[in-house]
PDB file of all heavy atoms in Angstrom:
ATOM      1  N   ARG A   1       0.809  -1.227   0.000  1.00  0.00           N
ATOM      2  CA  ARG A   1       0.000   0.000   0.000  1.00  0.00           C
ATOM      3  C   ARG A   1       0.839   1.273   0.000  1.00  0.00           C
ATOM      4  O   ARG A   1       0.322   2.347  -0.310  1.00  0.00           O
ATOM      5  CB  ARG A   1      -0.961   0.000   1.195  1.00  0.00           C
ATOM      6  CG  ARG A   1      -1.974  -1.116   1.103  1.00  0.00           C
ATOM      7  CD  ARG A   1      -2.894  -1.154   2.317  1.00  0.00           C
ATOM      8  NE  ARG A   1      -3.667  -2.381   2.339  1.00  0.00           N
ATOM      9  CZ  ARG A   1      -4.399  -2.792   3.365  1.00  0.00           C
ATOM     10  NH1 ARG A   1      -4.462  -2.032   4.463  1.00  0.00           N
ATOM     11  NH2 ARG A   1      -5.063  -3.927   3.307  1.00  0.00           N
ATOM     12  N   ALA A   2       2.078   1.193   0.370  1.00  0.00           N
ATOM     13  CA  ALA A   2       3.007   2.326   0.270  1.00  0.00           C
ATOM     14  C   ALA A   2       2.473   3.594   0.933  1.00  0.00           C
ATOM     15  O   ALA A   2       2.587   4.692   0.390  1.00  0.00           O
ATOM     16  CB  ALA A   2       3.345   2.596  -1.199  1.00  0.00           C
ATOM     17  N   GLY A   3       1.863   3.446   2.094  1.00  0.00           N
ATOM     18  CA  GLY A   3       1.415   4.609   2.837  1.00  0.00           C
ATOM     19  C   GLY A   3       0.172   5.283   2.291  1.00  0.00           C
ATOM     20  O   GLY A   3      -0.140   6.424   2.663  1.00  0.00           O
ATOM     21  N   LYS A   4      -0.561   4.599   1.444  1.00  0.00           N
ATOM     22  CA  LYS A   4      -1.772   5.175   0.845  1.00  0.00           C
ATOM     23  C   LYS A   4      -3.016   4.684   1.595  1.00  0.00           C
ATOM     24  O   LYS A   4      -2.971   3.734   2.378  1.00  0.00           O
ATOM     25  CB  LYS A   4      -1.869   4.779  -0.630  1.00  0.00           C
ATOM     26  CG  LYS A   4      -0.660   5.190  -1.456  1.00  0.00           C
ATOM     27  CD  LYS A   4      -0.740   4.589  -2.851  1.00  0.00           C
ATOM     28  CE  LYS A   4       0.537   4.839  -3.637  1.00  0.00           C
ATOM     29  NZ  LYS A   4       0.492   4.196  -4.977  1.00  0.00           N
ATOM     30  N   VAL A   5      -4.143   5.329   1.335  1.00  0.00           N
ATOM     31  CA  VAL A   5      -5.420   4.919   1.918  1.00  0.00           C
ATOM     32  C   VAL A   5      -5.942   3.711   1.147  1.00  0.00           C
ATOM     33  O   VAL A   5      -6.033   3.728  -0.087  1.00  0.00           O
ATOM     34  CB  VAL A   5      -6.446   6.064   1.861  1.00  0.00           C
ATOM     35  CG1 VAL A   5      -7.807   5.595   2.378  1.00  0.00           C
ATOM     36  CG2 VAL A   5      -5.950   7.261   2.673  1.00  0.00           C
ATOM     37  N   PHE A   6      -6.294   2.662   1.867  1.00  0.00           N
ATOM     38  CA  PHE A   6      -6.791   1.439   1.255  1.00  0.00           C
ATOM     39  C   PHE A   6      -8.291   1.552   1.016  1.00  0.00           C
ATOM     40  O   PHE A   6      -9.064   1.801   1.942  1.00  0.00           O
ATOM     41  CB  PHE A   6      -6.487   0.249   2.176  1.00  0.00           C
ATOM     42  CG  PHE A   6      -7.072  -1.058   1.722  1.00  0.00           C
ATOM     43  CD1 PHE A   6      -6.996  -1.461   0.398  1.00  0.00           C
ATOM     44  CD2 PHE A   6      -7.691  -1.899   2.637  1.00  0.00           C
ATOM     45  CE1 PHE A   6      -7.530  -2.675  -0.016  1.00  0.00           C
ATOM     46  CE2 PHE A   6      -8.215  -3.118   2.252  1.00  0.00           C
ATOM     47  CZ  PHE A   6      -8.144  -3.505   0.913  1.00  0.00           C
ATOM     48  N   LEU A   7      -8.704   1.367  -0.232  1.00  0.00           N
ATOM     49  CA  LEU A   7     -10.124   1.348  -0.589  1.00  0.00           C
ATOM     50  C   LEU A   7     -10.583  -0.106  -0.541  1.00  0.00           C
ATOM     51  O   LEU A   7     -10.407  -0.863  -1.491  1.00  0.00           O
ATOM     52  CB  LEU A   7     -10.329   1.931  -1.990  1.00  0.00           C
ATOM     53  CG  LEU A   7      -9.708   3.313  -2.243  1.00  0.00           C
ATOM     54  CD1 LEU A   7     -10.002   3.761  -3.673  1.00  0.00           C
ATOM     55  CD2 LEU A   7     -10.229   4.336  -1.241  1.00  0.00           C
ATOM     56  N   ASP A   8     -11.157  -0.484   0.582  1.00  0.00           N
ATOM     57  CA  ASP A   8     -11.529  -1.876   0.827  1.00  0.00           C
ATOM     58  C   ASP A   8     -12.882  -2.155   0.191  1.00  0.00           C
ATOM     59  O   ASP A   8     -13.911  -1.626   0.613  1.00  0.00           O
ATOM     60  CB  ASP A   8     -11.576  -2.129   2.334  1.00  0.00           C
ATOM     61  CG  ASP A   8     -11.827  -3.588   2.677  1.00  0.00           C
ATOM     62  OD1 ASP A   8     -12.079  -4.390   1.758  1.00  0.00           O
ATOM     63  OD2 ASP A   8     -11.781  -3.932   3.881  1.00  0.00           O
ATOM     64  N   SER A   9     -12.873  -3.015  -0.820  1.00  0.00           N
ATOM     65  CA  SER A   9     -14.098  -3.340  -1.549  1.00  0.00           C
ATOM     66  C   SER A   9     -14.672  -4.688  -1.154  1.00  0.00           C
ATOM     67  O   SER A   9     -15.511  -5.251  -1.872  1.00  0.00           O
ATOM     68  CB  SER A   9     -13.809  -3.334  -3.058  1.00  0.00           C
ATOM     69  OG  SER A   9     -12.835  -4.336  -3.378  1.00  0.00           O
ATOM     70  N   THR A  10     -14.237  -5.248  -0.025  1.00  0.00           N
ATOM     71  CA  THR A  10     -14.630  -6.611   0.338  1.00  0.00           C
ATOM     72  C   THR A  10     -15.845  -6.672   1.258  1.00  0.00           C
ATOM     73  O   THR A  10     -16.255  -7.751   1.673  1.00  0.00           O
ATOM     74  CB  THR A  10     -13.461  -7.344   1.021  1.00  0.00           C
ATOM     75  OG1 THR A  10     -13.133  -6.687   2.254  1.00  0.00           O
ATOM     76  CG2 THR A  10     -12.237  -7.368   0.127  1.00  0.00           C
ATOM     77  N   ARG A  11     -16.433  -5.519   1.595  1.00  0.00           N
ATOM     78  CA  ARG A  11     -17.612  -5.524   2.468  1.00  0.00           C
ATOM     79  C   ARG A  11     -18.852  -5.787   1.622  1.00  0.00           C
ATOM     80  O   ARG A  11     -19.571  -4.875   1.230  1.00  0.00           O
ATOM     81  CB  ARG A  11     -17.741  -4.194   3.209  1.00  0.00           C
ATOM     82  CG  ARG A  11     -16.547  -3.824   4.069  1.00  0.00           C
ATOM     83  CD  ARG A  11     -16.298  -4.871   5.154  1.00  0.00           C
ATOM     84  NE  ARG A  11     -15.224  -4.479   6.034  1.00  0.00           N
ATOM     85  CZ  ARG A  11     -15.406  -3.988   7.260  1.00  0.00           C
ATOM     86  NH1 ARG A  11     -16.624  -3.845   7.730  1.00  0.00           N
ATOM     87  NH2 ARG A  11     -14.366  -3.668   8.005  1.00  0.00           N
ATOM     88  N   SER A  12     -19.097  -7.042   1.337  1.00  0.00           N
ATOM     89  CA  SER A  12     -20.238  -7.398   0.504  1.00  0.00           C
ATOM     90  C   SER A  12     -20.709  -8.794   0.881  1.00  0.00           C
ATOM     91  O   SER A  12     -20.076  -9.489   1.687  1.00  0.00           O
ATOM     92  CB  SER A  12     -19.858  -7.349  -0.988  1.00  0.00           C
ATOM     93  OG  SER A  12     -18.790  -8.235  -1.257  1.00  0.00           O
ATOM     94  N   GLY A  13     -21.805  -9.205   0.297  1.00  0.00           N
ATOM     95  CA  GLY A  13     -22.324 -10.549   0.555  1.00  0.00           C
ATOM     96  C   GLY A  13     -22.655 -10.760   2.019  1.00  0.00           C
ATOM     97  O   GLY A  13     -23.477 -10.074   2.602  1.00  0.00           O
ATOM     98  N   GLY A  14     -21.959 -11.720   2.639  1.00  0.00           N
ATOM     99  CA  GLY A  14     -22.234 -12.061   4.026  1.00  0.00           C
ATOM    100  C   GLY A  14     -21.498 -11.210   5.034  1.00  0.00           C
ATOM    101  O   GLY A  14     -21.508 -11.514   6.229  1.00  0.00           O
ATOM    102  N   ALA A  15     -20.876 -10.144   4.583  1.00  0.00           N
ATOM    103  CA  ALA A  15     -20.100  -9.300   5.496  1.00  0.00           C
ATOM    104  C   ALA A  15     -21.014  -8.467   6.384  1.00  0.00           C
ATOM    105  O   ALA A  15     -22.223  -8.358   6.162  1.00  0.00           O
ATOM    106  CB  ALA A  15     -19.176  -8.386   4.700  1.00  0.00           C
ATOM    107  N   THR A  16     -20.415  -7.873   7.407  1.00  0.00           N
ATOM    108  CA  THR A  16     -21.102  -6.904   8.249  1.00  0.00           C
ATOM    109  C   THR A  16     -20.274  -5.623   8.273  1.00  0.00           C
ATOM    110  O   THR A  16     -19.090  -5.633   7.962  1.00  0.00           O
ATOM    111  CB  THR A  16     -21.272  -7.412   9.693  1.00  0.00           C
ATOM    112  OG1 THR A  16     -19.966  -7.558  10.293  1.00  0.00           O
ATOM    113  CG2 THR A  16     -21.993  -8.745   9.734  1.00  0.00           C
ATOM    114  N   VAL A  17     -20.922  -4.534   8.643  1.00  0.00           N
ATOM    115  CA  VAL A  17     -20.239  -3.253   8.827  1.00  0.00           C
ATOM    116  C   VAL A  17     -20.802  -2.622  10.085  1.00  0.00           C
ATOM    117  O   VAL A  17     -22.015  -2.687  10.321  1.00  0.00           O
ATOM    118  CB  VAL A  17     -20.446  -2.314   7.622  1.00  0.00           C
ATOM    119  CG1 VAL A  17     -19.800  -0.959   7.883  1.00  0.00           C
ATOM    120  CG2 VAL A  17     -19.876  -2.929   6.365  1.00  0.00           C
ATOM    121  N   VAL A  18     -19.938  -2.034  10.886  1.00  0.00           N
ATOM    122  CA  VAL A  18     -20.416  -1.424  12.121  1.00  0.00           C
ATOM    123  C   VAL A  18     -21.492  -0.379  11.809  1.00  0.00           C
ATOM    124  O   VAL A  18     -21.391   0.369  10.841  1.00  0.00           O
ATOM    125  CB  VAL A  18     -19.255  -0.809  12.926  1.00  0.00           C
ATOM    126  CG1 VAL A  18     -18.720   0.450  12.267  1.00  0.00           C
ATOM    127  CG2 VAL A  18     -19.660  -0.541  14.358  1.00  0.00           C
ATOM    128  N   ALA A  19     -22.540  -0.383  12.616  1.00  0.00           N
ATOM    129  CA  ALA A  19     -23.702   0.469  12.356  1.00  0.00           C
ATOM    130  C   ALA A  19     -23.406   1.937  12.629  1.00  0.00           C
ATOM    131  O   ALA A  19     -22.584   2.274  13.492  1.00  0.00           O
ATOM    132  CB  ALA A  19     -24.876   0.025  13.232  1.00  0.00           C
ATOM    133  N   ALA A  20     -24.091   2.801  11.912  1.00  0.00           N
ATOM    134  CA  ALA A  20     -24.089   4.222  12.277  1.00  0.00           C
ATOM    135  C   ALA A  20     -24.581   4.356  13.707  1.00  0.00           C
ATOM    136  O   ALA A  20     -25.524   3.686  14.118  1.00  0.00           O
ATOM    137  CB  ALA A  20     -24.998   4.999  11.329  1.00  0.00           C
ATOM    138  N   TYR A  21     -23.912   5.194  14.463  1.00  0.00           N
ATOM    139  CA  TYR A  21     -24.184   5.483  15.876  1.00  0.00           C
ATOM    140  C   TYR A  21     -23.652   4.417  16.831  1.00  0.00           C
ATOM    141  O   TYR A  21     -23.746   4.592  18.044  1.00  0.00           O
ATOM    142  CB  TYR A  21     -25.694   5.708  16.136  1.00  0.00           C
ATOM    143  CG  TYR A  21     -26.312   6.727  15.228  1.00  0.00           C
ATOM    144  CD1 TYR A  21     -27.294   6.358  14.308  1.00  0.00           C
ATOM    145  CD2 TYR A  21     -25.912   8.052  15.269  1.00  0.00           C
ATOM    146  CE1 TYR A  21     -27.864   7.294  13.450  1.00  0.00           C
ATOM    147  CE2 TYR A  21     -26.484   9.004  14.414  1.00  0.00           C
ATOM    148  CZ  TYR A  21     -27.448   8.608  13.508  1.00  0.00           C
ATOM    149  OH  TYR A  21     -28.000   9.538  12.656  1.00  0.00           O
ATOM    150  N   SER A  22     -23.074   3.344  16.315  1.00  0.00           N
ATOM    151  CA  SER A  22     -22.523   2.326  17.213  1.00  0.00           C
ATOM    152  C   SER A  22     -21.236   2.816  17.859  1.00  0.00           C
ATOM    153  O   SER A  22     -20.376   3.391  17.197  1.00  0.00           O
ATOM    154  CB  SER A  22     -22.208   1.041  16.439  1.00  0.00           C
ATOM    155  OG  SER A  22     -21.488   0.119  17.266  1.00  0.00           O
ATOM    156  N   PRO A  23     -21.067   2.569  19.164  1.00  0.00           N
ATOM    157  CA  PRO A  23     -19.757   2.802  19.784  1.00  0.00           C
ATOM    158  C   PRO A  23     -18.729   1.824  19.221  1.00  0.00           C
ATOM    159  O   PRO A  23     -19.080   0.798  18.627  1.00  0.00           O
ATOM    160  CB  PRO A  23     -20.015   2.534  21.270  1.00  0.00           C
ATOM    161  CG  PRO A  23     -21.503   2.591  21.433  1.00  0.00           C
ATOM    162  CD  PRO A  23     -22.069   2.124  20.141  1.00  0.00           C
ATOM    163  N   ARG A  24     -17.462   2.128  19.414  1.00  0.00           N
ATOM    164  CA  ARG A  24     -16.374   1.225  19.055  1.00  0.00           C
ATOM    165  C   ARG A  24     -15.558   0.914  20.298  1.00  0.00           C
ATOM    166  O   ARG A  24     -15.408   1.767  21.188  1.00  0.00           O
ATOM    167  CB  ARG A  24     -15.466   1.854  17.980  1.00  0.00           C
ATOM    168  CG  ARG A  24     -16.151   2.222  16.689  1.00  0.00           C
ATOM    169  CD  ARG A  24     -16.838   1.063  15.993  1.00  0.00           C
ATOM    170  NE  ARG A  24     -15.972  -0.050  15.684  1.00  0.00           N
ATOM    171  CZ  ARG A  24     -15.273  -0.185  14.552  1.00  0.00           C
ATOM    172  NH1 ARG A  24     -15.338   0.759  13.627  1.00  0.00           N
ATOM    173  NH2 ARG A  24     -14.531  -1.248  14.344  1.00  0.00           N
ATOM    174  N   LEU A  25     -15.019  -0.269  20.334  1.00  0.00           N
ATOM    175  CA  LEU A  25     -14.274  -0.717  21.502  1.00  0.00           C
ATOM    176  C   LEU A  25     -12.847  -0.195  21.408  1.00  0.00           C
ATOM    177  O   LEU A  25     -11.915  -0.919  21.079  1.00  0.00           O
ATOM    178  CB  LEU A  25     -14.301  -2.251  21.593  1.00  0.00           C
ATOM    179  CG  LEU A  25     -14.113  -2.851  22.973  1.00  0.00           C
ATOM    180  CD1 LEU A  25     -14.703  -4.257  23.037  1.00  0.00           C
ATOM    181  CD2 LEU A  25     -12.647  -2.901  23.370  1.00  0.00           C
ATOM    182  N   ARG A  26     -12.716   1.086  21.684  1.00  0.00           N
ATOM    183  CA  ARG A  26     -11.433   1.772  21.628  1.00  0.00           C
ATOM    184  C   ARG A  26     -11.386   2.803  22.751  1.00  0.00           C
ATOM    185  O   ARG A  26     -12.432   3.194  23.278  1.00  0.00           O
ATOM    186  CB  ARG A  26     -11.248   2.454  20.264  1.00  0.00           C
ATOM    187  CG  ARG A  26     -10.961   1.430  19.149  1.00  0.00           C
ATOM    188  CD  ARG A  26     -11.148   2.027  17.777  1.00  0.00           C
ATOM    189  NE  ARG A  26     -10.733   1.111  16.734  1.00  0.00           N
ATOM    190  CZ  ARG A  26     -11.425   0.044  16.344  1.00  0.00           C
ATOM    191  NH1 ARG A  26     -12.582  -0.243  16.916  1.00  0.00           N
ATOM    192  NH2 ARG A  26     -10.979  -0.748  15.380  1.00  0.00           N
ATOM    193  N   PRO A  27     -10.194   3.232  23.136  1.00  0.00           N
ATOM    194  CA  PRO A  27     -10.106   4.224  24.213  1.00  0.00           C
ATOM    195  C   PRO A  27     -11.002   5.429  23.958  1.00  0.00           C
ATOM    196  O   PRO A  27     -11.034   5.978  22.851  1.00  0.00           O
ATOM    197  CB  PRO A  27      -8.623   4.606  24.207  1.00  0.00           C
ATOM    198  CG  PRO A  27      -7.927   3.392  23.675  1.00  0.00           C
ATOM    199  CD  PRO A  27      -8.857   2.829  22.641  1.00  0.00           C
ATOM    200  N   GLY A  28     -11.735   5.827  24.982  1.00  0.00           N
ATOM    201  CA  GLY A  28     -12.624   6.971  24.853  1.00  0.00           C
ATOM    202  C   GLY A  28     -13.980   6.663  24.257  1.00  0.00           C
ATOM    203  O   GLY A  28     -14.834   7.535  24.157  1.00  0.00           O
ATOM    204  N   LEU A  29     -14.188   5.413  23.820  1.00  0.00           N
ATOM    205  CA  LEU A  29     -15.449   4.968  23.206  1.00  0.00           C
ATOM    206  C   LEU A  29     -15.934   5.909  22.103  1.00  0.00           C
ATOM    207  O   LEU A  29     -16.974   6.559  22.208  1.00  0.00           O
ATOM    208  CB  LEU A  29     -16.540   4.800  24.264  1.00  0.00           C
ATOM    209  CG  LEU A  29     -16.454   3.518  25.110  1.00  0.00           C
ATOM    210  CD1 LEU A  29     -17.677   3.404  26.004  1.00  0.00           C
ATOM    211  CD2 LEU A  29     -16.322   2.280  24.256  1.00  0.00           C
ATOM    212  N   PRO A  30     -15.184   5.987  21.001  1.00  0.00           N
ATOM    213  CA  PRO A  30     -15.658   6.758  19.849  1.00  0.00           C
ATOM    214  C   PRO A  30     -16.890   6.095  19.234  1.00  0.00           C
ATOM    215  O   PRO A  30     -17.191   4.928  19.494  1.00  0.00           O
ATOM    216  CB  PRO A  30     -14.472   6.724  18.890  1.00  0.00           C
ATOM    217  CG  PRO A  30     -13.741   5.470  19.257  1.00  0.00           C
ATOM    218  CD  PRO A  30     -13.909   5.315  20.737  1.00  0.00           C
ATOM    219  N   VAL A  31     -17.581   6.860  18.400  1.00  0.00           N
ATOM    220  CA  VAL A  31     -18.834   6.422  17.791  1.00  0.00           C
ATOM    221  C   VAL A  31     -18.718   6.562  16.274  1.00  0.00           C
ATOM    222  O   VAL A  31     -18.120   7.520  15.774  1.00  0.00           O
ATOM    223  CB  VAL A  31     -19.997   7.287  18.313  1.00  0.00           C
ATOM    224  CG1 VAL A  31     -21.276   7.033  17.524  1.00  0.00           C
ATOM    225  CG2 VAL A  31     -20.229   7.022  19.794  1.00  0.00           C
ATOM    226  N   SER A  32     -19.287   5.600  15.547  1.00  0.00           N
ATOM    227  CA  SER A  32     -19.389   5.730  14.099  1.00  0.00           C
ATOM    228  C   SER A  32     -20.476   6.758  13.798  1.00  0.00           C
ATOM    229  O   SER A  32     -21.655   6.527  14.086  1.00  0.00           O
ATOM    230  CB  SER A  32     -19.736   4.382  13.469  1.00  0.00           C
ATOM    231  OG  SER A  32     -19.813   4.489  12.064  1.00  0.00           O
ATOM    232  N   PHE A  33     -20.070   7.891  13.220  1.00  0.00           N
ATOM    233  CA  PHE A  33     -20.962   9.062  13.197  1.00  0.00           C
ATOM    234  C   PHE A  33     -21.138   9.601  11.782  1.00  0.00           C
ATOM    235  O   PHE A  33     -20.165   9.781  11.052  1.00  0.00           O
ATOM    236  CB  PHE A  33     -20.366  10.150  14.088  1.00  0.00           C
ATOM    237  CG  PHE A  33     -21.342  11.192  14.528  1.00  0.00           C
ATOM    238  CD1 PHE A  33     -22.127  11.010  15.649  1.00  0.00           C
ATOM    239  CD2 PHE A  33     -21.476  12.382  13.815  1.00  0.00           C
ATOM    240  CE1 PHE A  33     -23.037  11.976  16.065  1.00  0.00           C
ATOM    241  CE2 PHE A  33     -22.372  13.356  14.218  1.00  0.00           C
ATOM    242  CZ  PHE A  33     -23.163  13.156  15.352  1.00  0.00           C
ATOM    243  N   PRO A  34     -22.380   9.893  11.375  1.00  0.00           N
ATOM    244  CA  PRO A  34     -22.625  10.465  10.042  1.00  0.00           C
ATOM    245  C   PRO A  34     -22.028  11.862   9.912  1.00  0.00           C
ATOM    246  O   PRO A  34     -22.109  12.673  10.840  1.00  0.00           O
ATOM    247  CB  PRO A  34     -24.159  10.530   9.966  1.00  0.00           C
ATOM    248  CG  PRO A  34     -24.654   9.646  11.061  1.00  0.00           C
ATOM    249  CD  PRO A  34     -23.622   9.671  12.126  1.00  0.00           C
ATOM    250  N   VAL A  35     -21.447  12.123   8.749  1.00  0.00           N
ATOM    251  CA  VAL A  35     -20.854  13.433   8.474  1.00  0.00           C
ATOM    252  C   VAL A  35     -21.260  13.856   7.065  1.00  0.00           C
ATOM    253  O   VAL A  35     -21.256  13.046   6.133  1.00  0.00           O
ATOM    254  CB  VAL A  35     -19.315  13.389   8.578  1.00  0.00           C
ATOM    255  CG1 VAL A  35     -18.715  14.756   8.301  1.00  0.00           C
ATOM    256  CG2 VAL A  35     -18.879  12.890   9.951  1.00  0.00           C
ATOM    257  N   ALA A  36     -21.605  15.098   6.900  1.00  0.00           N
ATOM    258  CA  ALA A  36     -21.886  15.614   5.553  1.00  0.00           C
ATOM    259  C   ALA A  36     -20.596  15.598   4.736  1.00  0.00           C
ATOM    260  O   ALA A  36     -19.506  15.848   5.266  1.00  0.00           O
ATOM    261  CB  ALA A  36     -22.446  17.029   5.634  1.00  0.00           C
TER     262      ALA A  36
END
């Protein structure tokens, strides 16, 4: 990847993605948040 942003196209079919508004198990409990 040479320090670039990875465009992950594998979230399909039987995959899951963390829900909007879901907390994440990380220090400070960040949230997956909608942004314009």
